[in-house]
N, C-alpha and C. Protein backbone atom coordinates (compact mmCIF):
# COMPACT_ATOMS: atom_id res chain seq x y z
N UNK A 1 37.03 105.30 5.51
CA UNK A 1 36.49 104.12 4.88
C UNK A 1 35.32 104.49 3.97
N UNK A 2 34.41 105.35 4.49
CA UNK A 2 33.25 105.75 3.69
C UNK A 2 33.70 106.50 2.45
N UNK A 3 34.78 107.27 2.59
CA UNK A 3 35.29 108.04 1.47
C UNK A 3 35.82 107.11 0.38
N UNK A 4 36.53 106.06 0.72
CA UNK A 4 37.04 105.09 -0.25
C UNK A 4 35.91 104.34 -0.94
N UNK A 5 34.89 103.97 -0.18
CA UNK A 5 33.73 103.28 -0.75
C UNK A 5 33.00 104.19 -1.72
N UNK A 6 32.87 105.46 -1.40
CA UNK A 6 32.22 106.42 -2.29
C UNK A 6 32.98 106.53 -3.61
N UNK A 7 34.30 106.64 -3.55
CA UNK A 7 35.12 106.73 -4.78
C UNK A 7 35.04 105.45 -5.60
N UNK A 8 35.05 104.31 -4.96
CA UNK A 8 34.97 103.03 -5.66
C UNK A 8 33.63 102.90 -6.37
N UNK A 9 32.54 103.25 -5.68
CA UNK A 9 31.21 103.18 -6.30
C UNK A 9 31.08 104.20 -7.43
N UNK A 10 31.67 105.36 -7.27
CA UNK A 10 31.62 106.38 -8.32
C UNK A 10 32.35 105.89 -9.57
N UNK A 11 33.52 105.32 -9.38
CA UNK A 11 34.30 104.79 -10.52
C UNK A 11 33.55 103.66 -11.21
N UNK A 12 32.94 102.78 -10.42
CA UNK A 12 32.18 101.67 -10.98
C UNK A 12 30.98 102.18 -11.78
N UNK A 13 30.27 103.15 -11.26
CA UNK A 13 29.11 103.73 -11.95
C UNK A 13 29.52 104.39 -13.26
N UNK A 14 30.59 105.15 -13.25
CA UNK A 14 31.07 105.81 -14.46
C UNK A 14 31.50 104.77 -15.50
N UNK A 15 32.18 103.72 -15.06
CA UNK A 15 32.62 102.66 -15.98
C UNK A 15 31.42 101.97 -16.62
N UNK A 16 30.44 101.60 -15.80
CA UNK A 16 29.24 100.94 -16.34
C UNK A 16 28.48 101.86 -17.29
N UNK A 17 28.38 103.11 -16.97
CA UNK A 17 27.70 104.08 -17.85
C UNK A 17 28.43 104.19 -19.18
N UNK A 18 29.74 104.27 -19.17
CA UNK A 18 30.54 104.40 -20.39
C UNK A 18 30.39 103.16 -21.27
N UNK A 19 30.38 101.99 -20.67
CA UNK A 19 30.24 100.75 -21.43
C UNK A 19 28.84 100.65 -22.04
N UNK A 20 27.81 101.00 -21.29
CA UNK A 20 26.44 100.87 -21.79
C UNK A 20 26.11 101.88 -22.87
N UNK A 21 26.86 102.96 -22.98
CA UNK A 21 26.58 103.98 -23.97
C UNK A 21 27.42 103.84 -25.24
N UNK A 22 28.17 102.75 -25.36
CA UNK A 22 28.97 102.59 -26.57
C UNK A 22 28.07 102.32 -27.76
N UNK A 23 28.59 102.59 -28.98
CA UNK A 23 27.80 102.39 -30.19
C UNK A 23 27.45 100.93 -30.36
N UNK A 24 26.23 100.68 -30.84
CA UNK A 24 25.85 99.30 -31.12
C UNK A 24 26.33 98.92 -32.51
N UNK A 25 26.47 97.65 -32.75
CA UNK A 25 26.94 97.15 -34.05
C UNK A 25 25.79 97.22 -35.05
N UNK A 26 25.94 98.01 -36.10
CA UNK A 26 24.90 98.16 -37.12
C UNK A 26 25.37 97.61 -38.46
N UNK A 27 26.26 96.65 -38.43
CA UNK A 27 26.78 96.07 -39.66
C UNK A 27 25.68 95.31 -40.39
N UNK A 28 25.53 95.56 -41.70
CA UNK A 28 24.57 94.86 -42.53
C UNK A 28 25.28 93.70 -43.20
N UNK A 29 24.61 92.58 -43.31
CA UNK A 29 25.22 91.41 -43.96
C UNK A 29 25.62 91.75 -45.39
N UNK A 30 26.88 91.45 -45.72
CA UNK A 30 27.40 91.78 -47.04
C UNK A 30 27.05 90.72 -48.07
N UNK A 31 26.62 89.55 -47.64
CA UNK A 31 26.34 88.47 -48.57
C UNK A 31 24.89 88.52 -49.04
N UNK A 32 24.57 89.52 -49.82
CA UNK A 32 23.23 89.64 -50.37
C UNK A 32 23.31 90.25 -51.77
N UNK A 33 22.47 89.78 -52.68
CA UNK A 33 22.48 90.35 -54.03
C UNK A 33 21.67 91.65 -54.15
N UNK A 34 21.16 92.17 -53.04
CA UNK A 34 20.32 93.36 -53.10
C UNK A 34 20.97 94.46 -53.93
N UNK A 35 20.15 95.11 -54.76
CA UNK A 35 20.63 96.18 -55.61
C UNK A 35 20.22 95.97 -57.05
N UNK A 36 20.70 96.86 -57.90
CA UNK A 36 20.34 96.82 -59.31
C UNK A 36 21.44 96.14 -60.13
N UNK A 37 21.05 95.20 -60.96
CA UNK A 37 21.93 94.43 -61.83
C UNK A 37 21.49 94.66 -63.26
N UNK A 38 22.41 94.98 -64.16
CA UNK A 38 22.07 95.30 -65.55
C UNK A 38 22.93 94.49 -66.51
N UNK A 39 22.31 94.02 -67.57
CA UNK A 39 23.04 93.26 -68.58
C UNK A 39 22.14 92.90 -69.74
N UNK A 40 22.18 91.62 -70.11
CA UNK A 40 21.36 91.19 -71.24
C UNK A 40 20.78 89.81 -71.01
N UNK A 41 19.78 89.52 -71.82
CA UNK A 41 19.10 88.23 -71.81
C UNK A 41 19.00 87.75 -73.24
N UNK A 42 19.12 86.46 -73.41
CA UNK A 42 18.87 85.89 -74.73
C UNK A 42 17.91 84.73 -74.57
N UNK A 43 16.95 84.67 -75.49
CA UNK A 43 16.01 83.55 -75.50
C UNK A 43 16.69 82.36 -76.15
N UNK A 44 16.05 81.22 -76.12
CA UNK A 44 16.60 80.03 -76.75
C UNK A 44 16.68 80.29 -78.25
N UNK A 45 17.88 80.38 -78.78
CA UNK A 45 18.09 80.60 -80.20
C UNK A 45 17.78 82.01 -80.68
N UNK A 46 17.49 82.93 -79.74
CA UNK A 46 17.12 84.29 -80.13
C UNK A 46 18.23 85.28 -79.87
N UNK A 47 18.05 86.52 -80.31
CA UNK A 47 19.07 87.55 -80.10
C UNK A 47 19.09 88.02 -78.64
N UNK A 48 20.16 88.69 -78.28
CA UNK A 48 20.34 89.24 -76.95
C UNK A 48 19.68 90.62 -76.86
N UNK A 49 19.12 90.94 -75.69
CA UNK A 49 18.51 92.26 -75.49
C UNK A 49 18.69 92.71 -74.03
N UNK A 50 18.37 93.98 -73.76
CA UNK A 50 18.50 94.60 -72.43
C UNK A 50 17.73 93.80 -71.38
N UNK A 51 18.34 93.67 -70.20
CA UNK A 51 17.71 92.95 -69.10
C UNK A 51 18.27 93.49 -67.80
N UNK A 52 17.41 93.83 -66.85
CA UNK A 52 17.90 94.25 -65.52
C UNK A 52 17.07 93.61 -64.43
N UNK A 53 17.72 93.39 -63.30
CA UNK A 53 17.08 92.80 -62.13
C UNK A 53 17.36 93.73 -60.96
N UNK A 54 16.31 94.11 -60.24
CA UNK A 54 16.48 94.91 -59.04
C UNK A 54 16.02 94.07 -57.86
N UNK A 55 17.00 93.50 -57.13
CA UNK A 55 16.70 92.72 -55.93
C UNK A 55 16.50 93.71 -54.79
N UNK A 56 15.29 93.81 -54.30
CA UNK A 56 14.99 94.76 -53.23
C UNK A 56 15.02 94.08 -51.87
N UNK A 57 15.27 94.89 -50.83
CA UNK A 57 15.25 94.34 -49.48
C UNK A 57 13.84 93.85 -49.18
N UNK A 58 13.74 92.84 -48.38
CA UNK A 58 12.43 92.29 -48.06
C UNK A 58 11.99 91.20 -49.02
N UNK A 59 12.79 90.93 -50.07
CA UNK A 59 12.50 89.82 -50.95
C UNK A 59 11.70 90.11 -52.21
N UNK A 60 11.43 91.37 -52.52
CA UNK A 60 10.73 91.65 -53.78
C UNK A 60 11.75 91.92 -54.89
N UNK A 61 11.34 91.67 -56.13
CA UNK A 61 12.21 91.84 -57.28
C UNK A 61 11.44 92.54 -58.39
N UNK A 62 12.15 93.39 -59.14
CA UNK A 62 11.58 94.06 -60.31
C UNK A 62 12.50 93.74 -61.49
N UNK A 63 11.90 93.23 -62.56
CA UNK A 63 12.62 92.91 -63.79
C UNK A 63 12.25 93.96 -64.83
N UNK A 64 13.25 94.51 -65.51
CA UNK A 64 13.03 95.42 -66.65
C UNK A 64 13.68 94.77 -67.86
N UNK A 65 12.96 94.77 -69.00
CA UNK A 65 13.47 94.03 -70.15
C UNK A 65 13.18 94.73 -71.46
N UNK A 66 14.01 94.49 -72.43
CA UNK A 66 13.95 94.92 -73.82
C UNK A 66 14.48 96.32 -74.07
N UNK A 67 14.08 97.32 -73.27
CA UNK A 67 14.47 98.69 -73.54
C UNK A 67 14.70 99.39 -72.21
N UNK A 68 15.85 100.01 -72.02
CA UNK A 68 16.17 100.67 -70.75
C UNK A 68 15.29 101.89 -70.51
N UNK A 69 14.85 102.55 -71.57
CA UNK A 69 14.05 103.77 -71.43
C UNK A 69 12.58 103.46 -71.13
N UNK A 70 11.99 102.56 -71.89
CA UNK A 70 10.59 102.16 -71.70
C UNK A 70 10.52 100.63 -71.65
N UNK A 71 10.96 100.04 -70.56
CA UNK A 71 11.05 98.58 -70.50
C UNK A 71 9.71 97.89 -70.26
N UNK A 72 9.67 96.61 -70.62
CA UNK A 72 8.61 95.73 -70.13
C UNK A 72 8.96 95.47 -68.67
N UNK A 73 7.97 95.48 -67.79
CA UNK A 73 8.21 95.36 -66.35
C UNK A 73 7.55 94.10 -65.81
N UNK A 74 8.28 93.41 -64.94
CA UNK A 74 7.74 92.25 -64.23
C UNK A 74 8.05 92.42 -62.74
N UNK A 75 7.15 91.96 -61.91
CA UNK A 75 7.33 92.03 -60.45
C UNK A 75 7.24 90.64 -59.86
N UNK A 76 7.96 90.42 -58.77
CA UNK A 76 7.92 89.13 -58.12
C UNK A 76 8.69 89.10 -56.82
N UNK A 77 9.20 87.92 -56.49
CA UNK A 77 9.91 87.69 -55.23
C UNK A 77 11.21 86.96 -55.51
N UNK A 78 12.19 87.17 -54.62
CA UNK A 78 13.47 86.48 -54.75
C UNK A 78 13.88 85.91 -53.40
N UNK A 79 14.79 84.93 -53.46
CA UNK A 79 15.36 84.35 -52.25
C UNK A 79 16.79 83.92 -52.53
N UNK A 80 17.58 83.88 -51.47
CA UNK A 80 18.96 83.42 -51.54
C UNK A 80 19.10 82.27 -50.57
N UNK A 81 19.39 81.09 -51.11
CA UNK A 81 19.59 79.90 -50.28
C UNK A 81 20.98 79.37 -50.60
N UNK A 82 21.86 79.45 -49.62
CA UNK A 82 23.25 79.07 -49.86
C UNK A 82 23.86 80.02 -50.88
N UNK A 83 24.34 79.47 -51.99
CA UNK A 83 24.91 80.30 -53.05
C UNK A 83 24.00 80.40 -54.26
N UNK A 84 22.73 80.06 -54.09
CA UNK A 84 21.79 80.08 -55.20
C UNK A 84 20.73 81.17 -55.00
N UNK A 85 20.68 82.12 -55.93
CA UNK A 85 19.63 83.14 -55.89
C UNK A 85 18.57 82.72 -56.90
N UNK A 86 17.31 82.76 -56.46
CA UNK A 86 16.18 82.38 -57.31
C UNK A 86 15.12 83.46 -57.22
N UNK A 87 14.38 83.63 -58.31
CA UNK A 87 13.29 84.61 -58.32
C UNK A 87 12.17 84.09 -59.20
N UNK A 88 10.95 84.43 -58.85
CA UNK A 88 9.82 84.20 -59.74
C UNK A 88 9.16 85.55 -59.96
N UNK A 89 8.67 85.79 -61.18
CA UNK A 89 8.15 87.12 -61.53
C UNK A 89 7.10 87.00 -62.62
N UNK A 90 6.19 87.97 -62.62
CA UNK A 90 5.09 88.00 -63.59
C UNK A 90 5.12 89.34 -64.30
N UNK A 91 5.03 89.29 -65.64
CA UNK A 91 5.06 90.51 -66.45
C UNK A 91 3.73 91.25 -66.35
N UNK A 92 3.83 92.57 -66.38
CA UNK A 92 2.65 93.44 -66.33
C UNK A 92 1.90 93.34 -67.66
N UNK A 93 0.60 93.65 -67.67
CA UNK A 93 -0.18 93.61 -68.91
C UNK A 93 0.45 94.51 -69.99
N UNK A 94 0.45 94.03 -71.22
CA UNK A 94 1.01 94.78 -72.33
C UNK A 94 2.46 94.48 -72.61
N UNK A 95 3.10 93.66 -71.79
CA UNK A 95 4.51 93.32 -71.99
C UNK A 95 4.65 92.34 -73.15
N UNK A 96 5.85 92.28 -73.70
CA UNK A 96 6.15 91.35 -74.79
C UNK A 96 5.93 89.91 -74.34
N UNK A 97 6.45 89.57 -73.17
CA UNK A 97 6.20 88.25 -72.60
C UNK A 97 4.97 88.33 -71.71
N UNK A 98 4.26 87.23 -71.60
CA UNK A 98 3.11 87.17 -70.69
C UNK A 98 3.31 86.00 -69.75
N UNK A 99 2.73 86.09 -68.60
CA UNK A 99 2.80 84.99 -67.66
C UNK A 99 3.89 85.13 -66.63
N UNK A 100 4.10 84.01 -65.94
CA UNK A 100 5.06 83.95 -64.85
C UNK A 100 6.30 83.17 -65.27
N UNK A 101 7.46 83.66 -64.85
CA UNK A 101 8.75 83.05 -65.16
C UNK A 101 9.56 82.92 -63.88
N UNK A 102 10.61 82.12 -63.94
CA UNK A 102 11.53 81.95 -62.82
C UNK A 102 12.96 82.02 -63.34
N UNK A 103 13.86 82.49 -62.48
CA UNK A 103 15.27 82.52 -62.84
C UNK A 103 16.09 81.98 -61.69
N UNK A 104 17.30 81.54 -62.04
CA UNK A 104 18.23 81.03 -61.04
C UNK A 104 19.65 81.35 -61.47
N UNK A 105 20.51 81.62 -60.48
CA UNK A 105 21.93 81.88 -60.74
C UNK A 105 22.72 81.59 -59.48
N UNK A 106 23.99 81.28 -59.65
CA UNK A 106 24.90 81.13 -58.51
C UNK A 106 25.36 82.53 -58.12
N UNK A 107 25.34 82.82 -56.80
CA UNK A 107 25.72 84.15 -56.32
C UNK A 107 26.89 84.03 -55.35
N UNK A 108 27.82 84.96 -55.47
CA UNK A 108 28.93 85.10 -54.54
C UNK A 108 29.14 86.59 -54.28
N UNK A 109 29.29 86.97 -53.02
CA UNK A 109 29.50 88.38 -52.68
C UNK A 109 30.80 88.91 -53.26
N UNK A 110 31.73 88.03 -53.60
CA UNK A 110 33.01 88.47 -54.14
C UNK A 110 32.98 88.70 -55.65
N UNK A 111 31.88 88.35 -56.31
CA UNK A 111 31.77 88.50 -57.76
C UNK A 111 30.59 89.43 -58.07
N UNK A 112 30.78 90.37 -58.97
CA UNK A 112 29.72 91.33 -59.30
C UNK A 112 28.96 90.97 -60.57
N UNK A 113 29.03 89.71 -60.99
CA UNK A 113 28.31 89.28 -62.18
C UNK A 113 27.46 88.06 -61.85
N UNK A 114 26.23 88.06 -62.35
CA UNK A 114 25.36 86.90 -62.23
C UNK A 114 25.11 86.36 -63.63
N UNK A 115 25.36 85.08 -63.83
CA UNK A 115 25.02 84.39 -65.07
C UNK A 115 24.04 83.29 -64.70
N UNK A 116 22.87 83.30 -65.34
CA UNK A 116 21.87 82.32 -64.94
C UNK A 116 20.94 81.93 -66.06
N UNK A 117 19.91 81.20 -65.66
CA UNK A 117 18.93 80.69 -66.61
C UNK A 117 17.52 81.14 -66.22
N UNK A 118 16.63 81.14 -67.22
CA UNK A 118 15.23 81.53 -67.02
C UNK A 118 14.34 80.44 -67.59
N UNK A 119 13.24 80.17 -66.89
CA UNK A 119 12.27 79.19 -67.35
C UNK A 119 10.85 79.70 -67.18
N UNK A 120 9.91 78.98 -67.76
CA UNK A 120 8.49 79.33 -67.68
C UNK A 120 7.89 78.71 -66.42
N UNK A 121 7.02 79.47 -65.74
CA UNK A 121 6.40 78.98 -64.52
C UNK A 121 7.42 78.83 -63.41
N UNK A 122 7.42 77.68 -62.74
CA UNK A 122 8.35 77.47 -61.64
C UNK A 122 9.68 76.86 -62.10
N UNK A 123 9.79 76.48 -63.37
CA UNK A 123 11.04 75.94 -63.90
C UNK A 123 12.03 77.08 -64.12
N UNK A 124 13.29 76.84 -63.80
CA UNK A 124 14.32 77.87 -63.99
C UNK A 124 15.15 77.61 -65.24
N UNK A 125 14.71 76.71 -66.09
CA UNK A 125 15.44 76.42 -67.33
C UNK A 125 14.47 76.35 -68.51
N UNK A 126 15.00 76.55 -69.71
CA UNK A 126 14.22 76.33 -70.92
C UNK A 126 13.78 77.56 -71.67
N UNK A 127 13.78 78.75 -71.05
CA UNK A 127 13.31 79.95 -71.74
C UNK A 127 14.43 80.92 -72.09
N UNK A 128 15.64 80.67 -71.62
CA UNK A 128 16.73 81.55 -71.97
C UNK A 128 17.79 81.64 -70.90
N UNK A 129 18.75 82.54 -71.16
CA UNK A 129 19.86 82.77 -70.26
C UNK A 129 20.03 84.28 -70.06
N UNK A 130 20.68 84.66 -68.97
CA UNK A 130 20.96 86.08 -68.73
C UNK A 130 22.33 86.24 -68.11
N UNK A 131 22.87 87.44 -68.29
CA UNK A 131 24.13 87.83 -67.66
C UNK A 131 24.00 89.28 -67.25
N UNK A 132 24.14 89.56 -65.95
CA UNK A 132 23.98 90.91 -65.43
C UNK A 132 25.15 91.26 -64.50
N UNK A 133 25.44 92.55 -64.42
CA UNK A 133 26.52 93.05 -63.57
C UNK A 133 25.93 94.02 -62.55
N UNK A 134 26.39 93.93 -61.30
CA UNK A 134 25.87 94.80 -60.25
C UNK A 134 26.31 96.24 -60.51
N UNK A 135 25.37 97.15 -60.40
CA UNK A 135 25.63 98.58 -60.65
C UNK A 135 25.99 99.27 -59.35
């Protein structure tokens, strides 16, 4: 009897040990715009020029504009609520644009293009449009 109990407890211990040592799930949510997006921006009635958005983890965003080699740079924050990605950003001193701007676009994990609008201050409309593709 003691021998059977010993084997049963040994099997139970080994089974519990094997289950507890299995790999944990490290899947990252796929529904996020994080990463670098490159395309163009056009002002209201103006020509199109280089524009990139780098959505970083943790909610920060970096905008590069006008020239891919020596761009005007803006820094800010972004958020994704439902299917709407929004960001506000401020250009660094010496940039072509000055001040704070906001952008908005519809986002879907199944599409690698964002088409949206840009506005001055907290408005997301009135200053132009952009179209970027995830790199």
